[in-house]
PDB file of N, CA and C in Angstrom:
ATOM      1  N   MET A   1      52.637 -75.524 -19.933  1.00  0.00           N
ATOM      2  CA  MET A   1      51.524 -76.288 -20.441  1.00  0.00           C
ATOM      3  C   MET A   1      51.886 -76.750 -21.845  1.00  0.00           C
ATOM      4  N   GLY A   2      51.973 -78.051 -22.020  1.00  0.00           N
ATOM      5  CA  GLY A   2      52.385 -78.606 -23.292  1.00  0.00           C
ATOM      6  C   GLY A   2      51.222 -78.784 -24.258  1.00  0.00           C
ATOM      7  N   ILE A   3      51.593 -79.102 -25.486  1.00  0.00           N
ATOM      8  CA  ILE A   3      50.584 -79.267 -26.526  1.00  0.00           C
ATOM      9  C   ILE A   3      49.694 -80.476 -26.250  1.00  0.00           C
ATOM     10  N   ALA A   4      50.258 -81.515 -25.642  1.00  0.00           N
ATOM     11  CA  ALA A   4      49.466 -82.701 -25.327  1.00  0.00           C
ATOM     12  C   ALA A   4      48.382 -82.384 -24.289  1.00  0.00           C
ATOM     13  N   LEU A   5      48.718 -81.555 -23.318  1.00  0.00           N
ATOM     14  CA  LEU A   5      47.749 -81.174 -22.299  1.00  0.00           C
ATOM     15  C   LEU A   5      46.625 -80.332 -22.897  1.00  0.00           C
ATOM     16  N   VAL A   6      46.986 -79.413 -23.772  1.00  0.00           N
ATOM     17  CA  VAL A   6      45.978 -78.567 -24.423  1.00  0.00           C
ATOM     18  C   VAL A   6      45.048 -79.426 -25.279  1.00  0.00           C
ATOM     19  N   LEU A   7      45.616 -80.362 -26.017  1.00  0.00           N
ATOM     20  CA  LEU A   7      44.800 -81.249 -26.838  1.00  0.00           C
ATOM     21  C   LEU A   7      43.897 -82.132 -25.985  1.00  0.00           C
ATOM     22  N   ASP A   8      44.400 -82.574 -24.854  1.00  0.00           N
ATOM     23  CA  ASP A   8      43.606 -83.395 -23.950  1.00  0.00           C
ATOM     24  C   ASP A   8      42.444 -82.598 -23.362  1.00  0.00           C
ATOM     25  N   LEU A   9      42.701 -81.366 -22.969  1.00  0.00           N
ATOM     26  CA  LEU A   9      41.629 -80.513 -22.442  1.00  0.00           C
ATOM     27  C   LEU A   9      40.586 -80.212 -23.513  1.00  0.00           C
ATOM     28  N   ALA A  10      41.033 -79.938 -24.734  1.00  0.00           N
ATOM     29  CA  ALA A  10      40.103 -79.658 -25.833  1.00  0.00           C
ATOM     30  C   ALA A  10      39.268 -80.889 -26.165  1.00  0.00           C
ATOM     31  N   ARG A  11      39.903 -82.073 -26.158  1.00  0.00           N
ATOM     32  CA  ARG A  11      39.173 -83.307 -26.431  1.00  0.00           C
ATOM     33  C   ARG A  11      38.118 -83.558 -25.362  1.00  0.00           C
ATOM     34  N   ASP A  12      38.479 -83.356 -24.100  1.00  0.00           N
ATOM     35  CA  ASP A  12      37.513 -83.550 -23.016  1.00  0.00           C
ATOM     36  C   ASP A  12      36.340 -82.573 -23.118  1.00  0.00           C
ATOM     37  N   ALA A  13      36.635 -81.326 -23.475  1.00  0.00           N
ATOM     38  CA  ALA A  13      35.567 -80.327 -23.614  1.00  0.00           C
ATOM     39  C   ALA A  13      34.636 -80.680 -24.772  1.00  0.00           C
ATOM     40  N   LEU A  14      35.202 -81.129 -25.888  1.00  0.00           N
ATOM     41  CA  LEU A  14      34.365 -81.511 -27.019  1.00  0.00           C
ATOM     42  C   LEU A  14      33.528 -82.751 -26.716  1.00  0.00           C
ATOM     43  N   MET A  15      34.098 -83.694 -26.014  1.00  0.00           N
ATOM     44  CA  MET A  15      33.341 -84.887 -25.644  1.00  0.00           C
ATOM     45  C   MET A  15      32.200 -84.540 -24.688  1.00  0.00           C
ATOM     46  N   MET A  16      32.451 -83.602 -23.783  1.00  0.00           N
ATOM     47  CA  MET A  16      31.403 -83.151 -22.872  1.00  0.00           C
ATOM     48  C   MET A  16      30.278 -82.474 -23.656  1.00  0.00           C
ATOM     49  N   ALA A  17      30.640 -81.614 -24.591  1.00  0.00           N
ATOM     50  CA  ALA A  17      29.625 -80.927 -25.393  1.00  0.00           C
ATOM     51  C   ALA A  17      28.817 -81.921 -26.220  1.00  0.00           C
ATOM     52  N   LEU A  18      29.479 -82.915 -26.780  1.00  0.00           N
ATOM     53  CA  LEU A  18      28.772 -83.916 -27.574  1.00  0.00           C
ATOM     54  C   LEU A  18      27.854 -84.776 -26.719  1.00  0.00           C
ATOM     55  N   SER A  19      28.304 -85.133 -25.530  1.00  0.00           N
ATOM     56  CA  SER A  19      27.458 -85.962 -24.674  1.00  0.00           C
ATOM     57  C   SER A  19      26.242 -85.191 -24.156  1.00  0.00           C
ATOM     58  N   LEU A  20      26.365 -83.893 -24.018  1.00  0.00           N
ATOM     59  CA  LEU A  20      25.218 -83.094 -23.570  1.00  0.00           C
ATOM     60  C   LEU A  20      24.266 -82.769 -24.718  1.00  0.00           C
ATOM     61  N   ALA A  21      24.807 -82.517 -25.899  1.00  0.00           N
ATOM     62  CA  ALA A  21      23.962 -82.133 -27.035  1.00  0.00           C
ATOM     63  C   ALA A  21      23.438 -83.339 -27.804  1.00  0.00           C
ATOM     64  N   GLY A  22      24.072 -84.491 -27.653  1.00  0.00           N
ATOM     65  CA  GLY A  22      23.690 -85.668 -28.421  1.00  0.00           C
ATOM     66  C   GLY A  22      22.237 -86.092 -28.273  1.00  0.00           C
ATOM     67  N   PRO A  23      21.738 -86.237 -27.056  1.00  0.00           N
ATOM     68  CA  PRO A  23      20.331 -86.652 -26.930  1.00  0.00           C
ATOM     69  C   PRO A  23      19.353 -85.649 -27.536  1.00  0.00           C
ATOM     70  N   LEU A  24      19.630 -84.381 -27.385  1.00  0.00           N
ATOM     71  CA  LEU A  24      18.733 -83.367 -27.954  1.00  0.00           C
ATOM     72  C   LEU A  24      18.764 -83.405 -29.478  1.00  0.00           C
ATOM     73  N   LEU A  25      19.959 -83.538 -30.048  1.00  0.00           N
ATOM     74  CA  LEU A  25      20.070 -83.605 -31.496  1.00  0.00           C
ATOM     75  C   LEU A  25      19.459 -84.891 -32.046  1.00  0.00           C
ATOM     76  N   GLY A  26      19.605 -85.983 -31.304  1.00  0.00           N
ATOM     77  CA  GLY A  26      19.012 -87.245 -31.731  1.00  0.00           C
ATOM     78  C   GLY A  26      17.490 -87.184 -31.764  1.00  0.00           C
ATOM     79  N   VAL A  27      16.907 -86.565 -30.763  1.00  0.00           N
ATOM     80  CA  VAL A  27      15.443 -86.410 -30.734  1.00  0.00           C
ATOM     81  C   VAL A  27      14.988 -85.510 -31.878  1.00  0.00           C
ATOM     82  N   ALA A  28      15.716 -84.423 -32.123  1.00  0.00           N
ATOM     83  CA  ALA A  28      15.349 -83.533 -33.226  1.00  0.00           C
ATOM     84  C   ALA A  28      15.450 -84.263 -34.561  1.00  0.00           C
ATOM     85  N   LEU A  29      16.463 -85.089 -34.713  1.00  0.00           N
ATOM     86  CA  LEU A  29      16.621 -85.858 -35.946  1.00  0.00           C
ATOM     87  C   LEU A  29      15.491 -86.861 -36.115  1.00  0.00           C
ATOM     88  N   GLY A  30      15.162 -87.586 -35.055  1.00  0.00           N
ATOM     89  CA  GLY A  30      14.093 -88.580 -35.134  1.00  0.00           C
ATOM     90  C   GLY A  30      12.730 -87.970 -35.430  1.00  0.00           C
ATOM     91  N   VAL A  31      12.410 -86.890 -34.725  1.00  0.00           N
ATOM     92  CA  VAL A  31      11.113 -86.235 -34.946  1.00  0.00           C
ATOM     93  C   VAL A  31      11.069 -85.620 -36.337  1.00  0.00           C
ATOM     94  N   GLY A  32      12.173 -85.043 -36.779  1.00  0.00           N
ATOM     95  CA  GLY A  32      12.220 -84.477 -38.123  1.00  0.00           C
ATOM     96  C   GLY A  32      12.026 -85.532 -39.195  1.00  0.00           C
ATOM     97  N   LEU A  33      12.620 -86.702 -38.979  1.00  0.00           N
ATOM     98  CA  LEU A  33      12.453 -87.791 -39.933  1.00  0.00           C
ATOM     99  C   LEU A  33      11.001 -88.267 -39.971  1.00  0.00           C
ATOM    100  N   LEU A  34      10.392 -88.428 -38.796  1.00  0.00           N
ATOM    101  CA  LEU A  34       8.989 -88.850 -38.760  1.00  0.00           C
ATOM    102  C   LEU A  34       8.056 -87.835 -39.415  1.00  0.00           C
ATOM    103  N   VAL A  35       8.298 -86.560 -39.161  1.00  0.00           N
ATOM    104  CA  VAL A  35       7.441 -85.523 -39.741  1.00  0.00           C
ATOM    105  C   VAL A  35       7.631 -85.457 -41.247  1.00  0.00           C
ATOM    106  N   SER A  36       8.856 -85.620 -41.730  1.00  0.00           N
ATOM    107  CA  SER A  36       9.068 -85.562 -43.178  1.00  0.00           C
ATOM    108  C   SER A  36       8.452 -86.775 -43.875  1.00  0.00           C
ATOM    109  N   VAL A  37       8.467 -87.943 -43.229  1.00  0.00           N
ATOM    110  CA  VAL A  37       7.778 -89.105 -43.810  1.00  0.00           C
ATOM    111  C   VAL A  37       6.278 -88.840 -43.835  1.00  0.00           C
ATOM    112  N   LEU A  38       5.749 -88.277 -42.757  1.00  0.00           N
ATOM    113  CA  LEU A  38       4.323 -87.937 -42.712  1.00  0.00           C
ATOM    114  C   LEU A  38       3.971 -86.916 -43.796  1.00  0.00           C
ATOM    115  N   GLN A  39       4.828 -85.936 -43.999  1.00  0.00           N
ATOM    116  CA  GLN A  39       4.579 -84.936 -45.039  1.00  0.00           C
ATOM    117  C   GLN A  39       4.635 -85.553 -46.427  1.00  0.00           C
ATOM    118  N   ALA A  40       5.551 -86.493 -46.633  1.00  0.00           N
ATOM    119  CA  ALA A  40       5.648 -87.135 -47.945  1.00  0.00           C
ATOM    120  C   ALA A  40       4.432 -88.010 -48.220  1.00  0.00           C
ATOM    121  N   VAL A  41       3.929 -88.679 -47.196  1.00  0.00           N
ATOM    122  CA  VAL A  41       2.770 -89.558 -47.375  1.00  0.00           C
ATOM    123  C   VAL A  41       1.508 -88.755 -47.634  1.00  0.00           C
ATOM    124  N   THR A  42       1.344 -87.664 -46.909  1.00  0.00           N
ATOM    125  CA  THR A  42       0.109 -86.885 -47.034  1.00  0.00           C
ATOM    126  C   THR A  42       0.212 -85.731 -48.029  1.00  0.00           C
ATOM    127  N   SER A  43       1.361 -85.513 -48.596  1.00  0.00           N
ATOM    128  CA  SER A  43       1.604 -84.422 -49.565  1.00  0.00           C
ATOM    129  C   SER A  43       1.349 -83.048 -48.969  1.00  0.00           C
ATOM    130  N   ILE A  44       1.551 -82.896 -47.669  1.00  0.00           N
ATOM    131  CA  ILE A  44       1.430 -81.598 -47.009  1.00  0.00           C
ATOM    132  C   ILE A  44       2.831 -80.983 -46.970  1.00  0.00           C
ATOM    133  N   GLN A  45       2.969 -79.794 -47.516  1.00  0.00           N
ATOM    134  CA  GLN A  45       4.273 -79.145 -47.568  1.00  0.00           C
ATOM    135  C   GLN A  45       4.276 -77.847 -46.766  1.00  0.00           C
ATOM    136  N   GLU A  46       3.826 -77.924 -45.546  1.00  0.00           N
ATOM    137  CA  GLU A  46       3.808 -76.760 -44.658  1.00  0.00           C
ATOM    138  C   GLU A  46       5.130 -76.689 -43.902  1.00  0.00           C
ATOM    139  N   GLN A  47       5.790 -75.528 -43.907  1.00  0.00           N
ATOM    140  CA  GLN A  47       7.090 -75.377 -43.284  1.00  0.00           C
ATOM    141  C   GLN A  47       7.026 -75.458 -41.759  1.00  0.00           C
ATOM    142  N   THR A  48       5.994 -74.896 -41.180  1.00  0.00           N
ATOM    143  CA  THR A  48       5.910 -74.900 -39.720  1.00  0.00           C
ATOM    144  C   THR A  48       5.564 -76.274 -39.173  1.00  0.00           C
ATOM    145  N   LEU A  49       5.056 -77.167 -40.001  1.00  0.00           N
ATOM    146  CA  LEU A  49       4.714 -78.507 -39.547  1.00  0.00           C
ATOM    147  C   LEU A  49       5.955 -79.286 -39.142  1.00  0.00           C
ATOM    148  N   SER A  50       7.082 -78.987 -39.738  1.00  0.00           N
ATOM    149  CA  SER A  50       8.308 -79.684 -39.349  1.00  0.00           C
ATOM    150  C   SER A  50       8.989 -79.010 -38.165  1.00  0.00           C
ATOM    151  N   PHE A  51       8.742 -77.736 -37.960  1.00  0.00           N
ATOM    152  CA  PHE A  51       9.434 -77.002 -36.903  1.00  0.00           C
ATOM    153  C   PHE A  51       8.785 -77.177 -35.532  1.00  0.00           C
ATOM    154  N   VAL A  52       7.489 -77.066 -35.463  1.00  0.00           N
ATOM    155  CA  VAL A  52       6.784 -77.072 -34.179  1.00  0.00           C
ATOM    156  C   VAL A  52       6.920 -78.406 -33.430  1.00  0.00           C
ATOM    157  N   PRO A  53       6.734 -79.566 -34.076  1.00  0.00           N
ATOM    158  CA  PRO A  53       6.926 -80.817 -33.323  1.00  0.00           C
ATOM    159  C   PRO A  53       8.359 -81.002 -32.822  1.00  0.00           C
ATOM    160  N   LYS A  54       9.341 -80.591 -33.626  1.00  0.00           N
ATOM    161  CA  LYS A  54      10.729 -80.684 -33.177  1.00  0.00           C
ATOM    162  C   LYS A  54      10.972 -79.786 -31.981  1.00  0.00           C
ATOM    163  N   LEU A  55      10.407 -78.606 -32.000  1.00  0.00           N
ATOM    164  CA  LEU A  55      10.561 -77.670 -30.891  1.00  0.00           C
ATOM    165  C   LEU A  55       9.991 -78.252 -29.602  1.00  0.00           C
ATOM    166  N   PHE A  56       8.795 -78.803 -29.676  1.00  0.00           N
ATOM    167  CA  PHE A  56       8.175 -79.374 -28.483  1.00  0.00           C
ATOM    168  C   PHE A  56       8.912 -80.623 -28.005  1.00  0.00           C
ATOM    169  N   ALA A  57       9.364 -81.466 -28.919  1.00  0.00           N
ATOM    170  CA  ALA A  57      10.062 -82.694 -28.540  1.00  0.00           C
ATOM    171  C   ALA A  57      11.405 -82.380 -27.885  1.00  0.00           C
ATOM    172  N   VAL A  58      12.143 -81.452 -28.468  1.00  0.00           N
ATOM    173  CA  VAL A  58      13.446 -81.085 -27.896  1.00  0.00           C
ATOM    174  C   VAL A  58      13.247 -80.405 -26.545  1.00  0.00           C
ATOM    175  N   ALA A  59      12.239 -79.564 -26.417  1.00  0.00           N
ATOM    176  CA  ALA A  59      11.968 -78.916 -25.129  1.00  0.00           C
ATOM    177  C   ALA A  59      11.587 -79.946 -24.063  1.00  0.00           C
ATOM    178  N   ALA A  60      10.807 -80.940 -24.432  1.00  0.00           N
ATOM    179  CA  ALA A  60      10.408 -81.973 -23.465  1.00  0.00           C
ATOM    180  C   ALA A  60      11.615 -82.799 -23.030  1.00  0.00           C
ATOM    181  N   VAL A  61      12.456 -83.197 -23.974  1.00  0.00           N
ATOM    182  CA  VAL A  61      13.648 -83.981 -23.631  1.00  0.00           C
ATOM    183  C   VAL A  61      14.611 -83.132 -22.812  1.00  0.00           C
ATOM    184  N   PHE A  62      14.722 -81.856 -23.134  1.00  0.00           N
ATOM    185  CA  PHE A  62      15.578 -80.963 -22.359  1.00  0.00           C
ATOM    186  C   PHE A  62      15.115 -80.884 -20.907  1.00  0.00           C
ATOM    187  N   LEU A  63      13.812 -80.746 -20.705  1.00  0.00           N
ATOM    188  CA  LEU A  63      13.290 -80.678 -19.336  1.00  0.00           C
ATOM    189  C   LEU A  63      13.469 -82.004 -18.595  1.00  0.00           C
ATOM    190  N   ILE A  64      13.339 -83.115 -19.303  1.00  0.00           N
ATOM    191  CA  ILE A  64      13.518 -84.419 -18.673  1.00  0.00           C
ATOM    192  C   ILE A  64      14.975 -84.647 -18.287  1.00  0.00           C
ATOM    193  N   LEU A  65      15.900 -84.268 -19.155  1.00  0.00           N
ATOM    194  CA  LEU A  65      17.324 -84.521 -18.931  1.00  0.00           C
ATOM    195  C   LEU A  65      18.060 -83.370 -18.249  1.00  0.00           C
ATOM    196  N   LEU A  66      17.342 -82.346 -17.846  1.00  0.00           N
ATOM    197  CA  LEU A  66      17.998 -81.161 -17.297  1.00  0.00           C
ATOM    198  C   LEU A  66      18.822 -81.467 -16.050  1.00  0.00           C
ATOM    199  N   SER A  67      18.306 -82.259 -15.135  1.00  0.00           N
ATOM    200  CA  SER A  67      19.063 -82.541 -13.914  1.00  0.00           C
ATOM    201  C   SER A  67      20.325 -83.334 -14.229  1.00  0.00           C
ATOM    202  N   TRP A  68      20.239 -84.306 -15.140  1.00  0.00           N
ATOM    203  CA  TRP A  68      21.428 -85.066 -15.545  1.00  0.00           C
ATOM    204  C   TRP A  68      22.460 -84.158 -16.221  1.00  0.00           C
ATOM    205  N   MET A  69      21.985 -83.273 -17.075  1.00  0.00           N
ATOM    206  CA  MET A  69      22.901 -82.367 -17.778  1.00  0.00           C
ATOM    207  C   MET A  69      23.611 -81.440 -16.789  1.00  0.00           C
ATOM    208  N   LEU A  70      22.863 -80.914 -15.830  1.00  0.00           N
ATOM    209  CA  LEU A  70      23.470 -80.033 -14.836  1.00  0.00           C
ATOM    210  C   LEU A  70      24.474 -80.777 -13.963  1.00  0.00           C
ATOM    211  N   GLN A  71      24.150 -81.991 -13.552  1.00  0.00           N
ATOM    212  CA  GLN A  71      25.085 -82.783 -12.748  1.00  0.00           C
ATOM    213  C   GLN A  71      26.355 -83.094 -13.532  1.00  0.00           C
ATOM    214  N   THR A  72      26.206 -83.428 -14.804  1.00  0.00           N
ATOM    215  CA  THR A  72      27.365 -83.732 -15.641  1.00  0.00           C
ATOM    216  C   THR A  72      28.245 -82.504 -15.821  1.00  0.00           C
ATOM    217  N   MET A  73      27.620 -81.361 -16.083  1.00  0.00           N
ATOM    218  CA  MET A  73      28.394 -80.130 -16.252  1.00  0.00           C
ATOM    219  C   MET A  73      29.079 -79.719 -14.956  1.00  0.00           C
ATOM    220  N   MET A  74      28.390 -79.879 -13.835  1.00  0.00           N
ATOM    221  CA  MET A  74      29.000 -79.520 -12.552  1.00  0.00           C
ATOM    222  C   MET A  74      30.171 -80.432 -12.223  1.00  0.00           C
ATOM    223  N   ALA A  75      30.042 -81.727 -12.507  1.00  0.00           N
ATOM    224  CA  ALA A  75      31.143 -82.661 -12.244  1.00  0.00           C
ATOM    225  C   ALA A  75      32.347 -82.331 -13.128  1.00  0.00           C
ATOM    226  N   TYR A  76      32.103 -82.027 -14.388  1.00  0.00           N
ATOM    227  CA  TYR A  76      33.197 -81.679 -15.298  1.00  0.00           C
ATOM    228  C   TYR A  76      33.886 -80.384 -14.857  1.00  0.00           C
ATOM    229  N   THR A  77      33.095 -79.373 -14.518  1.00  0.00           N
ATOM    230  CA  THR A  77      33.656 -78.090 -14.111  1.00  0.00           C
ATOM    231  C   THR A  77      34.416 -78.214 -12.795  1.00  0.00           C
ATOM    232  N   THR A  78      33.872 -78.969 -11.863  1.00  0.00           N
ATOM    233  CA  THR A  78      34.550 -79.173 -10.585  1.00  0.00           C
ATOM    234  C   THR A  78      35.896 -79.866 -10.788  1.00  0.00           C
ATOM    235  N   GLU A  79      35.910 -80.890 -11.617  1.00  0.00           N
ATOM    236  CA  GLU A  79      37.167 -81.600 -11.889  1.00  0.00           C
ATOM    237  C   GLU A  79      38.174 -80.694 -12.599  1.00  0.00           C
ATOM    238  N   LEU A  80      37.691 -79.861 -13.498  1.00  0.00           N
ATOM    239  CA  LEU A  80      38.573 -78.940 -14.219  1.00  0.00           C
ATOM    240  C   LEU A  80      39.166 -77.904 -13.265  1.00  0.00           C
ATOM    241  N   ILE A  81      38.353 -77.367 -12.374  1.00  0.00           N
ATOM    242  CA  ILE A  81      38.854 -76.368 -11.414  1.00  0.00           C
ATOM    243  C   ILE A  81      39.806 -77.000 -10.429  1.00  0.00           C
ATOM    244  N   ARG A  82      39.527 -78.232  -9.983  1.00  0.00           N
ATOM    245  CA  ARG A  82      40.438 -78.917  -9.068  1.00  0.00           C
ATOM    246  C   ARG A  82      41.785 -79.220  -9.709  1.00  0.00           C
ATOM    247  N   SER A  83      41.800 -79.421 -10.998  1.00  0.00           N
ATOM    248  CA  SER A  83      43.062 -79.758 -11.668  1.00  0.00           C
ATOM    249  C   SER A  83      43.833 -78.520 -12.122  1.00  0.00           C
ATOM    250  N   LEU A  84      43.313 -77.324 -11.890  1.00  0.00           N
ATOM    251  CA  LEU A  84      44.016 -76.102 -12.301  1.00  0.00           C
ATOM    252  C   LEU A  84      45.403 -75.953 -11.693  1.00  0.00           C
ATOM    253  N   PRO A  85      45.592 -76.209 -10.413  1.00  0.00           N
ATOM    254  CA  PRO A  85      46.961 -76.063  -9.875  1.00  0.00           C
ATOM    255  C   PRO A  85      47.992 -76.987 -10.551  1.00  0.00           C
ATOM    256  N   SER A  86      47.590 -78.180 -10.902  1.00  0.00           N
ATOM    257  CA  SER A  86      48.524 -79.068 -11.585  1.00  0.00           C
ATOM    258  C   SER A  86      48.721 -78.665 -13.036  1.00  0.00           C
ATOM    259  N   LEU A  87      47.743 -77.991 -13.636  1.00  0.00           N
ATOM    260  CA  LEU A  87      47.886 -77.539 -15.015  1.00  0.00           C
ATOM    261  C   LEU A  87      48.824 -76.345 -15.124  1.00  0.00           C
ATOM    262  N   VAL A  88      48.753 -75.452 -14.169  1.00  0.00           N
ATOM    263  CA  VAL A  88      49.555 -74.231 -14.212  1.00  0.00           C
ATOM    264  C   VAL A  88      50.995 -74.514 -13.760  1.00  0.00           C
ATOM    265  N   GLY A  89      51.139 -75.259 -12.710  1.00  0.00           N
ATOM    266  CA  GLY A  89      52.458 -75.446 -12.143  1.00  0.00           C
ATOM    267  C   GLY A  89      53.162 -76.690 -12.525  1.00  0.00           C
TER     268      GLY A  89
END
């Protein structure tokens, strides 16, 4: 197993992780930005006000995208397991 193959596998794994975590992180960023603008406008400085909406928004997006995430992970894992004989030998 050469260094190029290891780098290729690591790149694919990182891209998979980014594609799965990206929508959740984007929603958390957007909701956090909206809540912080709301806090700045109303001068409310409650710590839980920024946490609870992000928690609910990320949970809702996670439930909506769960089937897509599982299909993507299964396709990646299946392809990785199928390519094991060519990686080892």
